[in-house]
Amino acid sequence: MKKMLAFIFMLTFSISSYSQTNQNEVTGNATEGENMYTIRRNAVCSEDLLLYSYERLLPVSEKTAVALKAGFMIWDPVLPLAEAALVTGGPKNFFEMGVGGIVDIFDDGGFLTFRTGYRYQAPKGFLFKVSAIYSPDNFLLPLVGVGYSF
């Protein structure tokens, strides 16, 4: 009987100590150990009430990921857009730079864009972006965006 009580006590102690070591995963708090493999990798974002997009982060290493984005731009008419970007940093503050395209099937076919910017991604989902898009026809568009990562 003493052996059985000792076994149950040790089993209970080991289970409770394991759950305490993983408390940050349960609560969603940021830790020093967060990296591109553990942050939220899907996001929806609106930039300047002009661009609406969904993006997915594909981790390359603990500090670097490739972001693939698809969405639309509210212009005359609504134009589809796609972008690929390199995102680096963490665990909450990131630098991003990429290349994309806006397809204009009603006019001259579209144009290529280049982006560089800052990204803040909170552990609970809030997303804030400040960036600038530069197009080859010397057009510079500063953007401020908010979104949700999941």
N, C-alpha and C. Protein backbone atom coordinates (compact mmCIF):
# COMPACT_ATOMS: atom_id res chain seq x y z
N MET A 1 0.82 -1.20 0.00
CA MET A 1 0.00 0.00 0.00
C MET A 1 0.86 1.27 0.00
N LYS A 2 1.98 1.25 0.76
CA LYS A 2 2.87 2.41 0.81
C LYS A 2 3.50 2.66 -0.55
N LYS A 3 3.84 1.57 -1.25
CA LYS A 3 4.44 1.72 -2.58
C LYS A 3 3.44 2.35 -3.55
N MET A 4 2.18 1.94 -3.43
CA MET A 4 1.14 2.48 -4.31
C MET A 4 0.92 3.97 -4.04
N LEU A 5 0.88 4.38 -2.77
CA LEU A 5 0.72 5.80 -2.43
C LEU A 5 1.93 6.61 -2.89
N ALA A 6 3.12 6.06 -2.74
CA ALA A 6 4.33 6.75 -3.20
C ALA A 6 4.30 6.91 -4.72
N PHE A 7 3.86 5.89 -5.44
CA PHE A 7 3.76 5.97 -6.91
C PHE A 7 2.76 7.04 -7.33
N ILE A 8 1.59 7.07 -6.70
CA ILE A 8 0.56 8.06 -7.04
C ILE A 8 1.06 9.47 -6.73
N PHE A 9 1.73 9.65 -5.59
CA PHE A 9 2.29 10.96 -5.22
C PHE A 9 3.31 11.43 -6.25
N MET A 10 4.22 10.55 -6.65
CA MET A 10 5.25 10.92 -7.62
C MET A 10 4.64 11.21 -8.99
N LEU A 11 3.65 10.45 -9.39
CA LEU A 11 2.98 10.68 -10.67
C LEU A 11 2.28 12.03 -10.67
N THR A 12 1.57 12.35 -9.59
CA THR A 12 0.89 13.63 -9.48
C THR A 12 1.88 14.79 -9.49
N PHE A 13 2.99 14.67 -8.78
CA PHE A 13 4.01 15.71 -8.73
C PHE A 13 4.63 15.93 -10.11
N SER A 14 4.91 14.88 -10.83
CA SER A 14 5.54 15.03 -12.15
C SER A 14 4.58 15.66 -13.16
N ILE A 15 3.30 15.35 -13.10
CA ILE A 15 2.33 15.94 -14.03
C ILE A 15 2.17 17.43 -13.74
N SER A 16 2.08 17.82 -12.46
CA SER A 16 1.90 19.24 -12.15
C SER A 16 3.14 20.05 -12.49
N SER A 17 4.32 19.49 -12.31
CA SER A 17 5.53 20.25 -12.66
C SER A 17 5.67 20.39 -14.16
N TYR A 18 5.24 19.43 -14.95
CA TYR A 18 5.29 19.54 -16.41
C TYR A 18 4.34 20.63 -16.88
N SER A 19 3.14 20.70 -16.31
CA SER A 19 2.18 21.71 -16.76
C SER A 19 2.65 23.12 -16.42
N GLN A 20 3.42 23.28 -15.37
CA GLN A 20 3.93 24.60 -15.04
C GLN A 20 5.01 25.05 -16.01
N THR A 21 5.78 24.13 -16.57
CA THR A 21 6.83 24.52 -17.50
C THR A 21 6.26 24.97 -18.83
N ASN A 22 5.06 24.58 -19.18
CA ASN A 22 4.46 24.94 -20.46
C ASN A 22 3.35 25.98 -20.30
N GLN A 23 3.35 26.73 -19.22
CA GLN A 23 2.28 27.69 -18.96
C GLN A 23 2.20 28.77 -20.03
N ASN A 24 3.31 29.21 -20.60
CA ASN A 24 3.28 30.26 -21.62
C ASN A 24 2.57 29.81 -22.88
N GLU A 25 2.63 28.53 -23.21
CA GLU A 25 1.91 28.04 -24.38
C GLU A 25 0.41 28.09 -24.15
N VAL A 26 -0.02 27.83 -22.90
CA VAL A 26 -1.44 27.85 -22.58
C VAL A 26 -1.99 29.27 -22.59
N THR A 27 -1.26 30.22 -22.01
CA THR A 27 -1.75 31.59 -21.91
C THR A 27 -1.49 32.42 -23.15
N GLY A 28 -0.58 32.00 -24.00
CA GLY A 28 -0.26 32.75 -25.21
C GLY A 28 0.67 33.92 -24.97
N ASN A 29 1.35 33.97 -23.82
CA ASN A 29 2.29 35.06 -23.54
C ASN A 29 3.55 34.90 -24.35
N ALA A 30 4.16 36.02 -24.70
CA ALA A 30 5.43 35.98 -25.44
C ALA A 30 6.55 35.54 -24.51
N THR A 31 7.45 34.77 -25.05
CA THR A 31 8.61 34.35 -24.29
C THR A 31 9.84 34.61 -25.13
N GLU A 32 10.99 34.51 -24.48
CA GLU A 32 12.24 34.68 -25.20
C GLU A 32 12.42 33.61 -26.26
N GLY A 33 11.78 32.46 -26.09
CA GLY A 33 11.98 31.35 -27.00
C GLY A 33 11.12 31.41 -28.26
N GLU A 34 10.29 32.45 -28.42
CA GLU A 34 9.46 32.50 -29.61
C GLU A 34 10.30 32.78 -30.84
N ASN A 35 9.93 32.12 -31.93
CA ASN A 35 10.65 32.30 -33.19
C ASN A 35 9.65 32.13 -34.33
N MET A 36 10.14 32.09 -35.54
CA MET A 36 9.26 31.99 -36.70
C MET A 36 8.46 30.69 -36.74
N TYR A 37 8.94 29.67 -36.04
CA TYR A 37 8.22 28.40 -36.02
C TYR A 37 7.07 28.40 -35.03
N THR A 38 7.10 29.30 -34.04
CA THR A 38 6.09 29.27 -32.99
C THR A 38 5.13 30.46 -33.01
N ILE A 39 5.41 31.52 -33.78
CA ILE A 39 4.48 32.66 -33.82
C ILE A 39 3.29 32.32 -34.71
N ARG A 40 2.28 33.15 -34.64
CA ARG A 40 1.11 32.98 -35.51
C ARG A 40 1.52 33.27 -36.94
N ARG A 41 1.19 32.37 -37.86
CA ARG A 41 1.72 32.49 -39.22
C ARG A 41 0.70 32.93 -40.27
N ASN A 42 -0.54 33.08 -39.92
CA ASN A 42 -1.56 33.57 -40.85
C ASN A 42 -1.99 34.96 -40.40
N ALA A 43 -2.32 35.82 -41.35
CA ALA A 43 -2.75 37.17 -40.99
C ALA A 43 -3.67 37.73 -42.06
N VAL A 44 -4.60 38.57 -41.62
CA VAL A 44 -5.40 39.40 -42.52
C VAL A 44 -5.10 40.84 -42.14
N CYS A 45 -5.02 41.70 -43.15
CA CYS A 45 -4.54 43.06 -42.90
C CYS A 45 -5.21 44.05 -43.85
N SER A 46 -5.42 45.26 -43.35
CA SER A 46 -5.89 46.37 -44.17
C SER A 46 -4.86 47.48 -44.07
N GLU A 47 -4.39 47.98 -45.21
CA GLU A 47 -3.39 49.04 -45.23
C GLU A 47 -3.99 50.28 -45.89
N ASP A 48 -4.07 51.37 -45.13
CA ASP A 48 -4.62 52.65 -45.59
C ASP A 48 -6.04 52.54 -46.16
N LEU A 49 -6.79 51.58 -45.72
CA LEU A 49 -8.14 51.32 -46.24
C LEU A 49 -8.12 51.19 -47.76
N LEU A 50 -6.98 50.84 -48.30
CA LEU A 50 -6.78 50.76 -49.74
C LEU A 50 -6.42 49.34 -50.18
N LEU A 51 -5.60 48.67 -49.38
CA LEU A 51 -5.17 47.30 -49.67
C LEU A 51 -5.72 46.36 -48.60
N TYR A 52 -6.31 45.26 -49.02
CA TYR A 52 -6.81 44.24 -48.12
C TYR A 52 -6.17 42.93 -48.54
N SER A 53 -5.60 42.22 -47.55
CA SER A 53 -4.86 41.02 -47.94
C SER A 53 -4.87 39.95 -46.86
N TYR A 54 -4.57 38.74 -47.31
CA TYR A 54 -4.29 37.59 -46.45
C TYR A 54 -2.84 37.22 -46.69
N GLU A 55 -2.11 36.92 -45.63
CA GLU A 55 -0.73 36.50 -45.84
C GLU A 55 -0.39 35.32 -44.94
N ARG A 56 0.56 34.54 -45.41
CA ARG A 56 1.02 33.34 -44.72
C ARG A 56 2.54 33.41 -44.60
N LEU A 57 3.06 33.22 -43.38
CA LEU A 57 4.50 33.18 -43.15
C LEU A 57 4.98 31.74 -43.27
N LEU A 58 6.00 31.53 -44.08
CA LEU A 58 6.63 30.22 -44.24
C LEU A 58 8.03 30.31 -43.63
N PRO A 59 8.24 29.72 -42.45
CA PRO A 59 9.54 29.84 -41.78
C PRO A 59 10.68 29.24 -42.59
N VAL A 60 11.79 29.96 -42.62
CA VAL A 60 13.02 29.49 -43.25
C VAL A 60 14.03 29.14 -42.16
N SER A 61 14.07 29.95 -41.11
CA SER A 61 14.91 29.71 -39.94
C SER A 61 14.18 30.29 -38.73
N GLU A 62 14.83 30.29 -37.58
CA GLU A 62 14.19 30.81 -36.37
C GLU A 62 13.93 32.31 -36.44
N LYS A 63 14.69 33.04 -37.23
CA LYS A 63 14.56 34.50 -37.32
C LYS A 63 14.09 35.00 -38.68
N THR A 64 13.89 34.11 -39.64
CA THR A 64 13.57 34.53 -41.01
C THR A 64 12.41 33.69 -41.56
N ALA A 65 11.54 34.36 -42.31
CA ALA A 65 10.43 33.67 -42.97
C ALA A 65 10.15 34.34 -44.30
N VAL A 66 9.50 33.61 -45.18
CA VAL A 66 9.01 34.15 -46.44
C VAL A 66 7.51 34.37 -46.26
N ALA A 67 7.04 35.56 -46.58
CA ALA A 67 5.62 35.88 -46.49
C ALA A 67 5.03 35.87 -47.89
N LEU A 68 3.97 35.10 -48.07
CA LEU A 68 3.23 35.09 -49.33
C LEU A 68 1.90 35.78 -49.08
N LYS A 69 1.59 36.77 -49.90
CA LYS A 69 0.41 37.60 -49.69
C LYS A 69 -0.45 37.61 -50.94
N ALA A 70 -1.77 37.58 -50.73
CA ALA A 70 -2.73 37.73 -51.83
C ALA A 70 -3.88 38.59 -51.32
N GLY A 71 -4.39 39.43 -52.20
CA GLY A 71 -5.49 40.29 -51.79
C GLY A 71 -5.97 41.16 -52.93
N PHE A 72 -6.51 42.32 -52.57
CA PHE A 72 -7.00 43.23 -53.60
C PHE A 72 -6.78 44.67 -53.16
N MET A 73 -6.76 45.53 -54.15
CA MET A 73 -6.57 46.97 -53.94
C MET A 73 -7.84 47.67 -54.42
N ILE A 74 -8.39 48.53 -53.58
CA ILE A 74 -9.59 49.27 -53.98
C ILE A 74 -9.14 50.48 -54.78
N TRP A 75 -9.36 50.43 -56.04
CA TRP A 75 -8.99 51.47 -56.98
C TRP A 75 -10.14 51.56 -57.96
N ASP A 76 -9.94 52.05 -59.10
CA ASP A 76 -11.01 52.10 -60.10
C ASP A 76 -10.59 51.29 -61.30
N PRO A 77 -10.90 50.06 -61.40
CA PRO A 77 -11.73 49.18 -60.57
C PRO A 77 -10.91 48.50 -59.46
N VAL A 78 -11.51 47.52 -58.80
CA VAL A 78 -10.81 46.73 -57.79
C VAL A 78 -9.76 45.88 -58.49
N LEU A 79 -8.53 45.90 -57.98
CA LEU A 79 -7.42 45.21 -58.63
C LEU A 79 -6.85 44.12 -57.73
N PRO A 80 -6.61 42.92 -58.26
CA PRO A 80 -5.98 41.86 -57.46
C PRO A 80 -4.49 42.14 -57.28
N LEU A 81 -3.94 41.67 -56.16
CA LEU A 81 -2.51 41.84 -55.91
C LEU A 81 -1.92 40.57 -55.32
N ALA A 82 -0.63 40.40 -55.53
CA ALA A 82 0.13 39.28 -54.96
C ALA A 82 1.52 39.79 -54.60
N GLU A 83 2.10 39.21 -53.56
CA GLU A 83 3.41 39.68 -53.11
C GLU A 83 4.15 38.55 -52.40
N ALA A 84 5.46 38.56 -52.53
CA ALA A 84 6.34 37.68 -51.76
C ALA A 84 7.34 38.57 -51.05
N ALA A 85 7.56 38.31 -49.77
CA ALA A 85 8.45 39.17 -48.98
C ALA A 85 9.31 38.34 -48.05
N LEU A 86 10.44 38.89 -47.70
CA LEU A 86 11.33 38.30 -46.70
C LEU A 86 11.08 39.04 -45.40
N VAL A 87 10.75 38.30 -44.34
CA VAL A 87 10.46 38.87 -43.02
C VAL A 87 11.53 38.36 -42.06
N THR A 88 12.18 39.27 -41.34
CA THR A 88 13.23 38.87 -40.42
C THR A 88 13.13 39.66 -39.12
N GLY A 89 13.57 39.05 -38.03
CA GLY A 89 13.54 39.69 -36.72
C GLY A 89 12.82 38.83 -35.72
N GLY A 90 12.20 39.48 -34.74
CA GLY A 90 11.39 38.77 -33.78
C GLY A 90 11.81 39.08 -32.35
N PRO A 91 11.09 38.64 -31.34
CA PRO A 91 9.87 37.86 -31.44
C PRO A 91 8.62 38.67 -31.76
N LYS A 92 8.67 40.02 -31.63
CA LYS A 92 7.50 40.84 -31.94
C LYS A 92 7.77 41.86 -33.04
N ASN A 93 8.99 42.31 -33.20
CA ASN A 93 9.35 43.36 -34.15
C ASN A 93 10.10 42.77 -35.33
N PHE A 94 9.63 43.12 -36.54
CA PHE A 94 10.18 42.52 -37.74
C PHE A 94 10.46 43.58 -38.81
N PHE A 95 11.41 43.28 -39.66
CA PHE A 95 11.69 44.06 -40.86
C PHE A 95 11.23 43.22 -42.03
N GLU A 96 10.55 43.84 -42.99
CA GLU A 96 10.11 43.10 -44.17
C GLU A 96 10.44 43.86 -45.44
N MET A 97 10.80 43.10 -46.46
CA MET A 97 11.04 43.67 -47.79
C MET A 97 10.62 42.63 -48.80
N GLY A 98 10.00 43.13 -49.88
CA GLY A 98 9.51 42.17 -50.85
C GLY A 98 9.20 42.79 -52.19
N VAL A 99 8.72 41.94 -53.06
CA VAL A 99 8.34 42.34 -54.41
C VAL A 99 6.95 41.77 -54.68
N GLY A 100 6.15 42.55 -55.39
CA GLY A 100 4.80 42.12 -55.68
C GLY A 100 4.31 42.66 -57.00
N GLY A 101 3.08 42.33 -57.29
CA GLY A 101 2.48 42.80 -58.52
C GLY A 101 1.01 43.10 -58.33
N ILE A 102 0.56 44.13 -59.01
CA ILE A 102 -0.85 44.49 -59.04
C ILE A 102 -1.30 44.31 -60.48
N VAL A 103 -2.30 43.47 -60.67
CA VAL A 103 -2.76 43.12 -62.01
C VAL A 103 -3.93 44.01 -62.39
N ASP A 104 -3.78 44.72 -63.49
CA ASP A 104 -4.85 45.58 -64.00
C ASP A 104 -5.29 45.04 -65.35
N ILE A 105 -6.31 44.21 -65.34
CA ILE A 105 -6.77 43.59 -66.59
C ILE A 105 -7.56 44.55 -67.46
N PHE A 106 -7.95 45.70 -66.91
CA PHE A 106 -8.75 46.65 -67.68
C PHE A 106 -7.91 47.71 -68.39
N ASP A 107 -6.63 47.83 -68.04
CA ASP A 107 -5.82 48.91 -68.60
C ASP A 107 -4.57 48.33 -69.25
N ASP A 108 -3.42 48.60 -68.69
CA ASP A 108 -2.16 48.20 -69.32
C ASP A 108 -1.59 46.89 -68.79
N GLY A 109 -2.33 46.14 -68.03
CA GLY A 109 -1.87 44.83 -67.58
C GLY A 109 -1.33 44.77 -66.17
N GLY A 110 -1.01 45.90 -65.55
CA GLY A 110 -0.52 45.89 -64.18
C GLY A 110 0.89 46.41 -64.05
N PHE A 111 1.41 46.34 -62.84
CA PHE A 111 2.77 46.83 -62.61
C PHE A 111 3.40 46.11 -61.42
N LEU A 112 4.72 46.16 -61.39
CA LEU A 112 5.54 45.54 -60.36
C LEU A 112 5.78 46.55 -59.24
N THR A 113 5.78 46.07 -57.99
CA THR A 113 6.03 46.95 -56.85
C THR A 113 7.13 46.36 -55.96
N PHE A 114 7.81 47.24 -55.24
CA PHE A 114 8.81 46.85 -54.26
C PHE A 114 8.39 47.42 -52.92
N ARG A 115 8.52 46.63 -51.85
CA ARG A 115 8.07 47.06 -50.53
C ARG A 115 9.20 46.91 -49.52
N THR A 116 9.25 47.85 -48.58
CA THR A 116 10.11 47.74 -47.41
C THR A 116 9.34 48.32 -46.23
N GLY A 117 9.52 47.73 -45.04
CA GLY A 117 8.77 48.25 -43.92
C GLY A 117 9.05 47.56 -42.60
N TYR A 118 8.30 48.00 -41.60
CA TYR A 118 8.37 47.51 -40.23
C TYR A 118 7.07 46.81 -39.91
N ARG A 119 7.15 45.75 -39.11
CA ARG A 119 5.98 44.96 -38.75
C ARG A 119 6.04 44.65 -37.26
N TYR A 120 4.97 44.93 -36.54
CA TYR A 120 4.84 44.55 -35.14
C TYR A 120 3.74 43.50 -35.07
N GLN A 121 4.07 42.35 -34.53
CA GLN A 121 3.09 41.26 -34.43
C GLN A 121 3.03 40.80 -32.98
N ALA A 122 1.94 41.14 -32.30
CA ALA A 122 1.77 40.79 -30.89
C ALA A 122 1.42 39.31 -30.75
N PRO A 123 1.78 38.71 -29.62
CA PRO A 123 1.51 37.28 -29.42
C PRO A 123 0.03 36.92 -29.43
N LYS A 124 -0.84 37.87 -29.06
CA LYS A 124 -2.27 37.56 -29.01
C LYS A 124 -2.99 37.88 -30.30
N GLY A 125 -2.27 38.34 -31.34
CA GLY A 125 -2.90 38.49 -32.63
C GLY A 125 -2.87 39.86 -33.27
N PHE A 126 -2.68 40.92 -32.51
CA PHE A 126 -2.68 42.26 -33.10
C PHE A 126 -1.50 42.41 -34.05
N LEU A 127 -1.74 43.02 -35.20
CA LEU A 127 -0.70 43.22 -36.21
C LEU A 127 -0.71 44.69 -36.63
N PHE A 128 0.47 45.31 -36.65
CA PHE A 128 0.64 46.70 -37.07
C PHE A 128 1.79 46.76 -38.06
N LYS A 129 1.58 47.44 -39.18
CA LYS A 129 2.61 47.53 -40.22
C LYS A 129 2.76 48.98 -40.69
N VAL A 130 4.00 49.38 -40.92
CA VAL A 130 4.31 50.66 -41.55
C VAL A 130 5.28 50.33 -42.67
N SER A 131 4.91 50.70 -43.90
CA SER A 131 5.77 50.34 -45.03
C SER A 131 5.60 51.36 -46.15
N ALA A 132 6.39 51.17 -47.17
CA ALA A 132 6.29 52.01 -48.36
C ALA A 132 6.40 51.10 -49.58
N ILE A 133 5.56 51.38 -50.56
CA ILE A 133 5.61 50.65 -51.83
C ILE A 133 6.18 51.59 -52.88
N TYR A 134 7.14 51.08 -53.60
CA TYR A 134 7.77 51.84 -54.67
C TYR A 134 7.54 51.09 -55.97
N SER A 135 7.08 51.79 -56.99
CA SER A 135 6.88 51.16 -58.30
C SER A 135 7.90 51.73 -59.29
N PRO A 136 8.19 50.99 -60.35
CA PRO A 136 9.19 51.43 -61.32
C PRO A 136 8.88 52.76 -62.01
N ASP A 137 7.64 53.22 -61.99
CA ASP A 137 7.33 54.51 -62.61
C ASP A 137 7.51 55.67 -61.62
N ASN A 138 8.39 55.48 -60.61
CA ASN A 138 8.76 56.49 -59.62
C ASN A 138 7.59 56.94 -58.75
N PHE A 139 6.72 56.02 -58.42
CA PHE A 139 5.60 56.29 -57.54
C PHE A 139 5.90 55.69 -56.18
N LEU A 140 5.83 56.49 -55.10
CA LEU A 140 6.08 56.03 -53.74
C LEU A 140 4.79 56.17 -52.94
N LEU A 141 4.32 55.06 -52.37
CA LEU A 141 3.08 55.04 -51.61
C LEU A 141 3.36 54.60 -50.18
N PRO A 142 3.32 55.52 -49.19
CA PRO A 142 3.50 55.10 -47.79
C PRO A 142 2.21 54.45 -47.29
N LEU A 143 2.36 53.40 -46.51
CA LEU A 143 1.20 52.65 -46.02
C LEU A 143 1.30 52.42 -44.52
N VAL A 144 0.16 52.50 -43.85
CA VAL A 144 0.02 52.12 -42.44
C VAL A 144 -1.09 51.10 -42.39
N GLY A 145 -0.82 49.96 -41.78
CA GLY A 145 -1.81 48.90 -41.77
C GLY A 145 -2.03 48.30 -40.39
N VAL A 146 -3.24 47.80 -40.19
CA VAL A 146 -3.58 47.05 -38.98
C VAL A 146 -4.23 45.75 -39.42
N GLY A 147 -4.07 44.75 -38.58
CA GLY A 147 -4.65 43.46 -38.92
C GLY A 147 -4.68 42.54 -37.73
N TYR A 148 -4.94 41.27 -38.03
CA TYR A 148 -5.03 40.23 -37.01
C TYR A 148 -4.28 39.01 -37.49
N SER A 149 -3.41 38.48 -36.64
CA SER A 149 -2.69 37.26 -36.98
C SER A 149 -3.32 36.10 -36.21
N PHE A 150 -3.35 34.95 -36.85
CA PHE A 150 -3.96 33.76 -36.23
C PHE A 150 -3.22 32.52 -36.63
